[in-house]
Amino acid sequence: MKISVAHAAGNKGKWVALEVADPINVQEAIIRSNVLNDFPELNLEQCKVGIFGKICALDTPVTDGARVEIYRPIERVVSDDEDDDDDDEDDD
């Protein structure tokens, strides 16, 4: 069956098309894609993964034509101008 594995990392990303024998699960698909070799910082036990934008478990079966995705954590950086908590205001 034909599947693909994708991971985006800022300016760098990878989308790998694979032909695999079924059955295969998400974790096996990611390992076979060799994406982990290009992004050694990825830890599948900590990353969220999904199929076509829907988060799933590593043991989820992959079907023909599926796109397995490895998601990056989203980090929000708050500048001092955006800091809206009241802990630095005087209560005079």
PDB file of N, CA and C in Angstrom:
ATOM      1  N   MET A   1       0.841  -1.173   0.000  1.00  0.00           N
ATOM      2  CA  MET A   1       0.000   0.000   0.000  1.00  0.00           C
ATOM      3  C   MET A   1       0.888   1.237   0.000  1.00  0.00           C
ATOM      4  N   LYS A   2       0.353   2.336  -0.493  1.00  0.00           N
ATOM      5  CA  LYS A   2       1.098   3.587  -0.563  1.00  0.00           C
ATOM      6  C   LYS A   2       0.637   4.514   0.554  1.00  0.00           C
ATOM      7  N   ILE A   3       1.622   5.035   1.304  1.00  0.00           N
ATOM      8  CA  ILE A   3       1.359   5.986   2.378  1.00  0.00           C
ATOM      9  C   ILE A   3       2.426   7.069   2.317  1.00  0.00           C
ATOM     10  N   SER A   4       2.270   8.080   3.160  1.00  0.00           N
ATOM     11  CA  SER A   4       3.332   9.075   3.297  1.00  0.00           C
ATOM     12  C   SER A   4       3.455   9.463   4.760  1.00  0.00           C
ATOM     13  N   VAL A   5       4.645   9.985   5.087  1.00  0.00           N
ATOM     14  CA  VAL A   5       4.928  10.459   6.444  1.00  0.00           C
ATOM     15  C   VAL A   5       5.450  11.878   6.313  1.00  0.00           C
ATOM     16  N   ALA A   6       4.901  12.800   7.111  1.00  0.00           N
ATOM     17  CA  ALA A   6       5.285  14.203   7.025  1.00  0.00           C
ATOM     18  C   ALA A   6       5.616  14.770   8.397  1.00  0.00           C
ATOM     19  N   HIS A   7       6.619  15.655   8.385  1.00  0.00           N
ATOM     20  CA  HIS A   7       6.969  16.413   9.594  1.00  0.00           C
ATOM     21  C   HIS A   7       7.451  17.782   9.144  1.00  0.00           C
ATOM     22  N   ALA A   8       6.912  18.827   9.740  1.00  0.00           N
ATOM     23  CA  ALA A   8       7.339  20.191   9.436  1.00  0.00           C
ATOM     24  C   ALA A   8       8.078  20.744  10.637  1.00  0.00           C
ATOM     25  N   ALA A   9       9.204  21.376  10.369  1.00  0.00           N
ATOM     26  CA  ALA A   9      10.014  21.942  11.452  1.00  0.00           C
ATOM     27  C   ALA A   9      10.546  23.292  11.005  1.00  0.00           C
ATOM     28  N   GLY A  10       9.707  24.301  11.079  1.00  0.00           N
ATOM     29  CA  GLY A  10      10.120  25.637  10.646  1.00  0.00           C
ATOM     30  C   GLY A  10      10.425  25.650   9.161  1.00  0.00           C
ATOM     31  N   ASN A  11      11.619  26.089   8.808  1.00  0.00           N
ATOM     32  CA  ASN A  11      12.019  26.129   7.399  1.00  0.00           C
ATOM     33  C   ASN A  11      12.388  24.760   6.857  1.00  0.00           C
ATOM     34  N   LYS A  12      12.537  23.815   7.747  1.00  0.00           N
ATOM     35  CA  LYS A  12      12.976  22.482   7.362  1.00  0.00           C
ATOM     36  C   LYS A  12      11.820  21.511   7.600  1.00  0.00           C
ATOM     37  N   GLY A  13      11.589  20.655   6.672  1.00  0.00           N
ATOM     38  CA  GLY A  13      10.547  19.658   6.838  1.00  0.00           C
ATOM     39  C   GLY A  13      10.812  18.493   5.915  1.00  0.00           C
ATOM     40  N   LYS A  14      10.004  17.485   6.041  1.00  0.00           N
ATOM     41  CA  LYS A  14      10.198  16.306   5.203  1.00  0.00           C
ATOM     42  C   LYS A  14       8.855  15.637   4.972  1.00  0.00           C
ATOM     43  N   TRP A  15       8.651  15.214   3.732  1.00  0.00           N
ATOM     44  CA  TRP A  15       7.471  14.448   3.362  1.00  0.00           C
ATOM     45  C   TRP A  15       7.964  13.270   2.548  1.00  0.00           C
ATOM     46  N   VAL A  16       7.753  12.074   3.075  1.00  0.00           N
ATOM     47  CA  VAL A  16       8.299  10.868   2.475  1.00  0.00           C
ATOM     48  C   VAL A  16       7.159   9.974   1.999  1.00  0.00           C
ATOM     49  N   ALA A  17       7.195   9.607   0.724  1.00  0.00           N
ATOM     50  CA  ALA A  17       6.231   8.641   0.186  1.00  0.00           C
ATOM     51  C   ALA A  17       6.824   7.250   0.350  1.00  0.00           C
ATOM     52  N   LEU A  18       5.995   6.311   0.798  1.00  0.00           N
ATOM     53  CA  LEU A  18       6.445   4.937   1.043  1.00  0.00           C
ATOM     54  C   LEU A  18       5.498   3.940   0.409  1.00  0.00           C
ATOM     55  N   GLU A  19       6.046   2.833   0.014  1.00  0.00           N
ATOM     56  CA  GLU A  19       5.247   1.677  -0.381  1.00  0.00           C
ATOM     57  C   GLU A  19       5.544   0.613   0.671  1.00  0.00           C
ATOM     58  N   VAL A  20       4.524   0.200   1.423  1.00  0.00           N
ATOM     59  CA  VAL A  20       4.710  -0.742   2.524  1.00  0.00           C
ATOM     60  C   VAL A  20       3.691  -1.871   2.421  1.00  0.00           C
ATOM     61  N   ALA A  21       4.071  -2.993   3.017  1.00  0.00           N
ATOM     62  CA  ALA A  21       3.122  -4.101   3.123  1.00  0.00           C
ATOM     63  C   ALA A  21       2.221  -3.814   4.309  1.00  0.00           C
ATOM     64  N   ASP A  22       0.955  -4.132   4.186  1.00  0.00           N
ATOM     65  CA  ASP A  22       0.091  -3.941   5.339  1.00  0.00           C
ATOM     66  C   ASP A  22       0.021  -5.247   6.113  1.00  0.00           C
ATOM     67  N   PRO A  23      -0.322  -5.288   7.354  1.00  0.00           N
ATOM     68  CA  PRO A  23      -0.716  -4.149   8.171  1.00  0.00           C
ATOM     69  C   PRO A  23       0.507  -3.391   8.697  1.00  0.00           C
ATOM     70  N   ILE A  24       0.299  -2.115   8.965  1.00  0.00           N
ATOM     71  CA  ILE A  24       1.335  -1.259   9.529  1.00  0.00           C
ATOM     72  C   ILE A  24       0.638  -0.230  10.422  1.00  0.00           C
ATOM     73  N   ASN A  25       1.318   0.158  11.493  1.00  0.00           N
ATOM     74  CA  ASN A  25       0.728   1.186  12.352  1.00  0.00           C
ATOM     75  C   ASN A  25       1.521   2.493  12.215  1.00  0.00           C
ATOM     76  N   VAL A  26       1.071   3.528  12.877  1.00  0.00           N
ATOM     77  CA  VAL A  26       1.682   4.859  12.758  1.00  0.00           C
ATOM     78  C   VAL A  26       3.157   4.824  13.154  1.00  0.00           C
ATOM     79  N   GLN A  27       3.477   4.206  14.281  1.00  0.00           N
ATOM     80  CA  GLN A  27       4.868   4.169  14.729  1.00  0.00           C
ATOM     81  C   GLN A  27       5.759   3.451  13.711  1.00  0.00           C
ATOM     82  N   GLU A  28       5.313   2.319  13.200  1.00  0.00           N
ATOM     83  CA  GLU A  28       6.103   1.586  12.209  1.00  0.00           C
ATOM     84  C   GLU A  28       6.304   2.405  10.936  1.00  0.00           C
ATOM     85  N   ALA A  29       5.277   3.115  10.516  1.00  0.00           N
ATOM     86  CA  ALA A  29       5.372   3.953   9.316  1.00  0.00           C
ATOM     87  C   ALA A  29       6.416   5.050   9.510  1.00  0.00           C
ATOM     88  N   ILE A  30       6.415   5.687  10.680  1.00  0.00           N
ATOM     89  CA  ILE A  30       7.380   6.747  10.962  1.00  0.00           C
ATOM     90  C   ILE A  30       8.798   6.179  10.966  1.00  0.00           C
ATOM     91  N   ILE A  31       8.980   5.047  11.595  1.00  0.00           N
ATOM     92  CA  ILE A  31      10.312   4.421  11.644  1.00  0.00           C
ATOM     93  C   ILE A  31      10.788   4.069  10.238  1.00  0.00           C
ATOM     94  N   ARG A  32       9.941   3.475   9.427  1.00  0.00           N
ATOM     95  CA  ARG A  32      10.324   3.088   8.062  1.00  0.00           C
ATOM     96  C   ARG A  32      10.607   4.284   7.158  1.00  0.00           C
ATOM     97  N   SER A  33      10.026   5.430   7.484  1.00  0.00           N
ATOM     98  CA  SER A  33      10.229   6.625   6.656  1.00  0.00           C
ATOM     99  C   SER A  33      11.615   7.240   6.838  1.00  0.00           C
ATOM    100  N   ASN A  34      12.304   6.876   7.911  1.00  0.00           N
ATOM    101  CA  ASN A  34      13.608   7.443   8.279  1.00  0.00           C
ATOM    102  C   ASN A  34      13.551   8.928   8.642  1.00  0.00           C
ATOM    103  N   VAL A  35      12.374   9.465   8.885  1.00  0.00           N
ATOM    104  CA  VAL A  35      12.241  10.860   9.306  1.00  0.00           C
ATOM    105  C   VAL A  35      12.985  11.086  10.625  1.00  0.00           C
ATOM    106  N   LEU A  36      13.000  10.088  11.487  1.00  0.00           N
ATOM    107  CA  LEU A  36      13.676  10.232  12.773  1.00  0.00           C
ATOM    108  C   LEU A  36      15.184  10.404  12.609  1.00  0.00           C
ATOM    109  N   ASN A  37      15.749   9.914  11.521  1.00  0.00           N
ATOM    110  CA  ASN A  37      17.180  10.117  11.263  1.00  0.00           C
ATOM    111  C   ASN A  37      17.464  11.583  10.942  1.00  0.00           C
ATOM    112  N   ASP A  38      16.540  12.241  10.251  1.00  0.00           N
ATOM    113  CA  ASP A  38      16.714  13.647   9.888  1.00  0.00           C
ATOM    114  C   ASP A  38      16.361  14.599  11.024  1.00  0.00           C
ATOM    115  N   PHE A  39      15.550  14.131  11.953  1.00  0.00           N
ATOM    116  CA  PHE A  39      15.125  14.951  13.092  1.00  0.00           C
ATOM    117  C   PHE A  39      15.345  14.152  14.384  1.00  0.00           C
ATOM    118  N   PRO A  40      16.610  13.959  14.777  1.00  0.00           N
ATOM    119  CA  PRO A  40      16.891  13.113  15.946  1.00  0.00           C
ATOM    120  C   PRO A  40      16.325  13.660  17.253  1.00  0.00           C
ATOM    121  N   GLU A  41      15.946  14.935  17.267  1.00  0.00           N
ATOM    122  CA  GLU A  41      15.363  15.514  18.480  1.00  0.00           C
ATOM    123  C   GLU A  41      13.936  15.046  18.730  1.00  0.00           C
ATOM    124  N   LEU A  42      13.314  14.428  17.722  1.00  0.00           N
ATOM    125  CA  LEU A  42      11.936  13.949  17.889  1.00  0.00           C
ATOM    126  C   LEU A  42      11.900  12.743  18.814  1.00  0.00           C
ATOM    127  N   ASN A  43      10.986  12.774  19.740  1.00  0.00           N
ATOM    128  CA  ASN A  43      10.762  11.659  20.647  1.00  0.00           C
ATOM    129  C   ASN A  43       9.300  11.256  20.465  1.00  0.00           C
ATOM    130  N   LEU A  44       9.075  10.113  19.856  1.00  0.00           N
ATOM    131  CA  LEU A  44       7.703   9.700  19.558  1.00  0.00           C
ATOM    132  C   LEU A  44       6.849   9.513  20.799  1.00  0.00           C
ATOM    133  N   GLU A  45       7.473   9.275  21.928  1.00  0.00           N
ATOM    134  CA  GLU A  45       6.702   9.137  23.164  1.00  0.00           C
ATOM    135  C   GLU A  45       6.197  10.495  23.656  1.00  0.00           C
ATOM    136  N   GLN A  46       6.797  11.597  23.172  1.00  0.00           N
ATOM    137  CA  GLN A  46       6.390  12.932  23.594  1.00  0.00           C
ATOM    138  C   GLN A  46       5.659  13.711  22.506  1.00  0.00           C
ATOM    139  N   CYS A  47       5.930  13.399  21.246  1.00  0.00           N
ATOM    140  CA  CYS A  47       5.291  14.116  20.138  1.00  0.00           C
ATOM    141  C   CYS A  47       3.861  13.616  19.933  1.00  0.00           C
ATOM    142  N   LYS A  48       3.025  14.513  19.494  1.00  0.00           N
ATOM    143  CA  LYS A  48       1.696  14.096  19.041  1.00  0.00           C
ATOM    144  C   LYS A  48       1.842  13.673  17.586  1.00  0.00           C
ATOM    145  N   VAL A  49       1.064  12.679  17.203  1.00  0.00           N
ATOM    146  CA  VAL A  49       1.066  12.188  15.828  1.00  0.00           C
ATOM    147  C   VAL A  49      -0.380  12.105  15.353  1.00  0.00           C
ATOM    148  N   GLY A  50      -0.539  12.031  14.054  1.00  0.00           N
ATOM    149  CA  GLY A  50      -1.887  11.935  13.527  1.00  0.00           C
ATOM    150  C   GLY A  50      -1.905  11.431  12.100  1.00  0.00           C
ATOM    151  N   ILE A  51      -3.112  11.296  11.595  1.00  0.00           N
ATOM    152  CA  ILE A  51      -3.335  10.916  10.198  1.00  0.00           C
ATOM    153  C   ILE A  51      -4.280  11.947   9.610  1.00  0.00           C
ATOM    154  N   PHE A  52      -3.811  12.630   8.563  1.00  0.00           N
ATOM    155  CA  PHE A  52      -4.596  13.685   7.906  1.00  0.00           C
ATOM    156  C   PHE A  52      -5.165  14.698   8.894  1.00  0.00           C
ATOM    157  N   GLY A  53      -4.332  15.162   9.845  1.00  0.00           N
ATOM    158  CA  GLY A  53      -4.744  16.218  10.759  1.00  0.00           C
ATOM    159  C   GLY A  53      -5.537  15.770  11.966  1.00  0.00           C
ATOM    160  N   LYS A  54      -5.768  14.488  12.114  1.00  0.00           N
ATOM    161  CA  LYS A  54      -6.517  13.976  13.266  1.00  0.00           C
ATOM    162  C   LYS A  54      -5.551  13.232  14.181  1.00  0.00           C
ATOM    163  N   ILE A  55      -5.389  13.723  15.405  1.00  0.00           N
ATOM    164  CA  ILE A  55      -4.458  13.116  16.353  1.00  0.00           C
ATOM    165  C   ILE A  55      -4.878  11.679  16.643  1.00  0.00           C
ATOM    166  N   CYS A  56      -3.862  10.806  16.715  1.00  0.00           N
ATOM    167  CA  CYS A  56      -4.128   9.394  17.000  1.00  0.00           C
ATOM    168  C   CYS A  56      -2.968   8.811  17.799  1.00  0.00           C
ATOM    169  N   ALA A  57      -3.116   7.577  18.221  1.00  0.00           N
ATOM    170  CA  ALA A  57      -2.081   6.877  18.980  1.00  0.00           C
ATOM    171  C   ALA A  57      -1.060   6.256  18.032  1.00  0.00           C
ATOM    172  N   LEU A  58       0.125   5.968  18.565  1.00  0.00           N
ATOM    173  CA  LEU A  58       1.181   5.358  17.760  1.00  0.00           C
ATOM    174  C   LEU A  58       0.792   3.984  17.220  1.00  0.00           C
ATOM    175  N   ASP A  59      -0.105   3.280  17.907  1.00  0.00           N
ATOM    176  CA  ASP A  59      -0.487   1.939  17.458  1.00  0.00           C
ATOM    177  C   ASP A  59      -1.704   1.938  16.524  1.00  0.00           C
ATOM    178  N   THR A  60      -2.116   3.115  16.074  1.00  0.00           N
ATOM    179  CA  THR A  60      -3.255   3.216  15.150  1.00  0.00           C
ATOM    180  C   THR A  60      -2.886   2.615  13.801  1.00  0.00           C
ATOM    181  N   PRO A  61      -3.722   1.742  13.253  1.00  0.00           N
ATOM    182  CA  PRO A  61      -3.445   1.175  11.931  1.00  0.00           C
ATOM    183  C   PRO A  61      -3.484   2.254  10.842  1.00  0.00           C
ATOM    184  N   VAL A  62      -2.609   2.113   9.868  1.00  0.00           N
ATOM    185  CA  VAL A  62      -2.538   3.036   8.741  1.00  0.00           C
ATOM    186  C   VAL A  62      -3.161   2.348   7.525  1.00  0.00           C
ATOM    187  N   THR A  63      -3.988   3.091   6.801  1.00  0.00           N
ATOM    188  CA  THR A  63      -4.643   2.546   5.614  1.00  0.00           C
ATOM    189  C   THR A  63      -4.005   3.108   4.346  1.00  0.00           C
ATOM    190  N   ASP A  64      -4.282   2.470   3.240  1.00  0.00           N
ATOM    191  CA  ASP A  64      -3.729   2.883   1.948  1.00  0.00           C
ATOM    192  C   ASP A  64      -4.047   4.345   1.666  1.00  0.00           C
ATOM    193  N   GLY A  65      -3.049   5.090   1.239  1.00  0.00           N
ATOM    194  CA  GLY A  65      -3.227   6.493   0.893  1.00  0.00           C
ATOM    195  C   GLY A  65      -3.120   7.466   2.049  1.00  0.00           C
ATOM    196  N   ALA A  66      -2.916   6.971   3.265  1.00  0.00           N
ATOM    197  CA  ALA A  66      -2.882   7.838   4.451  1.00  0.00           C
ATOM    198  C   ALA A  66      -1.611   8.678   4.495  1.00  0.00           C
ATOM    199  N   ARG A  67      -1.737   9.866   5.109  1.00  0.00           N
ATOM    200  CA  ARG A  67      -0.578  10.718   5.389  1.00  0.00           C
ATOM    201  C   ARG A  67      -0.406  10.758   6.905  1.00  0.00           C
ATOM    202  N   VAL A  68       0.648  10.116   7.379  1.00  0.00           N
ATOM    203  CA  VAL A  68       0.985  10.111   8.795  1.00  0.00           C
ATOM    204  C   VAL A  68       1.745  11.400   9.083  1.00  0.00           C
ATOM    205  N   GLU A  69       1.382  12.069  10.164  1.00  0.00           N
ATOM    206  CA  GLU A  69       1.988  13.361  10.484  1.00  0.00           C
ATOM    207  C   GLU A  69       2.572  13.346  11.893  1.00  0.00           C
ATOM    208  N   ILE A  70       3.728  13.978  12.021  1.00  0.00           N
ATOM    209  CA  ILE A  70       4.369  14.155  13.327  1.00  0.00           C
ATOM    210  C   ILE A  70       4.276  15.639  13.640  1.00  0.00           C
ATOM    211  N   TYR A  71       3.645  15.980  14.746  1.00  0.00           N
ATOM    212  CA  TYR A  71       3.391  17.382  15.083  1.00  0.00           C
ATOM    213  C   TYR A  71       4.443  17.929  16.039  1.00  0.00           C
ATOM    214  N   ARG A  72       4.791  19.186  15.825  1.00  0.00           N
ATOM    215  CA  ARG A  72       5.690  19.899  16.730  1.00  0.00           C
ATOM    216  C   ARG A  72       4.861  20.486  17.864  1.00  0.00           C
ATOM    217  N   PRO A  73       5.468  20.625  19.032  1.00  0.00           N
ATOM    218  CA  PRO A  73       4.750  21.327  20.099  1.00  0.00           C
ATOM    219  C   PRO A  73       4.623  22.809  19.732  1.00  0.00           C
ATOM    220  N   ILE A  74       3.525  23.406  20.097  1.00  0.00           N
ATOM    221  CA  ILE A  74       3.314  24.823  19.843  1.00  0.00           C
ATOM    222  C   ILE A  74       3.733  25.579  21.098  1.00  0.00           C
ATOM    223  N   GLU A  75       4.611  26.536  20.905  1.00  0.00           N
ATOM    224  CA  GLU A  75       5.073  27.340  22.026  1.00  0.00           C
ATOM    225  C   GLU A  75       4.661  28.782  21.795  1.00  0.00           C
ATOM    226  N   ARG A  76       4.060  29.386  22.796  1.00  0.00           N
ATOM    227  CA  ARG A  76       3.669  30.785  22.700  1.00  0.00           C
ATOM    228  C   ARG A  76       4.626  31.588  23.548  1.00  0.00           C
ATOM    229  N   VAL A  77       5.260  32.553  22.923  1.00  0.00           N
ATOM    230  CA  VAL A  77       6.174  33.439  23.625  1.00  0.00           C
ATOM    231  C   VAL A  77       5.429  34.731  23.889  1.00  0.00           C
ATOM    232  N   VAL A  78       5.344  35.117  25.155  1.00  0.00           N
ATOM    233  CA  VAL A  78       4.628  36.326  25.538  1.00  0.00           C
ATOM    234  C   VAL A  78       5.645  37.417  25.816  1.00  0.00           C
ATOM    235  N   SER A  79       5.519  38.528  25.116  1.00  0.00           N
ATOM    236  CA  SER A  79       6.403  39.656  25.377  1.00  0.00           C
ATOM    237  C   SER A  79       5.884  40.433  26.585  1.00  0.00           C
ATOM    238  N   ASP A  80       6.712  41.326  27.111  1.00  0.00           N
ATOM    239  CA  ASP A  80       6.294  42.135  28.266  1.00  0.00           C
ATOM    240  C   ASP A  80       5.072  42.978  27.930  1.00  0.00           C
ATOM    241  N   ASP A  81       4.959  43.421  26.677  1.00  0.00           N
ATOM    242  CA  ASP A  81       3.809  44.228  26.256  1.00  0.00           C
ATOM    243  C   ASP A  81       2.510  43.432  26.284  1.00  0.00           C
ATOM    244  N   GLU A  82       2.603  42.123  26.083  1.00  0.00           N
ATOM    245  CA  GLU A  82       1.411  41.276  26.058  1.00  0.00           C
ATOM    246  C   GLU A  82       1.055  40.715  27.418  1.00  0.00           C
ATOM    247  N   ASP A  83       1.941  40.851  28.382  1.00  0.00           N
ATOM    248  CA  ASP A  83       1.730  40.290  29.707  1.00  0.00           C
ATOM    249  C   ASP A  83       0.515  40.966  30.344  1.00  0.00           C
ATOM    250  N   ASP A  84      -0.571  40.204  30.503  1.00  0.00           N
ATOM    251  CA  ASP A  84      -1.808  40.806  31.001  1.00  0.00           C
ATOM    252  C   ASP A  84      -2.157  40.389  32.426  1.00  0.00           C
ATOM    253  N   ASP A  85      -1.244  39.706  33.106  1.00  0.00           N
ATOM    254  CA  ASP A  85      -1.577  39.370  34.485  1.00  0.00           C
ATOM    255  C   ASP A  85      -1.379  40.597  35.375  1.00  0.00           C
ATOM    256  N   ASP A  86      -2.041  40.582  36.500  1.00  0.00           N
ATOM    257  CA  ASP A  86      -2.072  41.753  37.370  1.00  0.00           C
ATOM    258  C   ASP A  86      -1.048  41.683  38.501  1.00  0.00           C
ATOM    259  N   ASP A  87      -0.106  40.755  38.416  1.00  0.00           N
ATOM    260  CA  ASP A  87       0.804  40.597  39.539  1.00  0.00           C
ATOM    261  C   ASP A  87       1.828  41.710  39.695  1.00  0.00           C
ATOM    262  N   ASP A  88       1.976  42.589  38.711  1.00  0.00           N
ATOM    263  CA  ASP A  88       2.961  43.663  38.834  1.00  0.00           C
ATOM    264  C   ASP A  88       2.322  45.042  38.999  1.00  0.00           C
ATOM    265  N   GLU A  89       1.023  45.081  39.250  1.00  0.00           N
ATOM    266  CA  GLU A  89       0.343  46.358  39.455  1.00  0.00           C
ATOM    267  C   GLU A  89       0.221  46.659  40.948  1.00  0.00           C
ATOM    268  N   ASP A  90       0.277  47.939  41.281  1.00  0.00           N
ATOM    269  CA  ASP A  90       0.081  48.341  42.679  1.00  0.00           C
ATOM    270  C   ASP A  90      -1.406  48.394  42.985  1.00  0.00           C
ATOM    271  N   ASP A  91      -1.771  48.055  44.181  1.00  0.00           N
ATOM    272  CA  ASP A  91      -3.175  48.112  44.599  1.00  0.00           C
ATOM    273  C   ASP A  91      -3.417  49.293  45.526  1.00  0.00           C
ATOM    274  N   ASP A  92      -2.849  50.454  45.217  1.00  0.00           N
ATOM    275  CA  ASP A  92      -3.005  51.642  46.081  1.00  0.00           C
ATOM    276  C   ASP A  92      -4.342  52.277  45.945  1.00  0.00           C
TER     277      ASP A  92
END
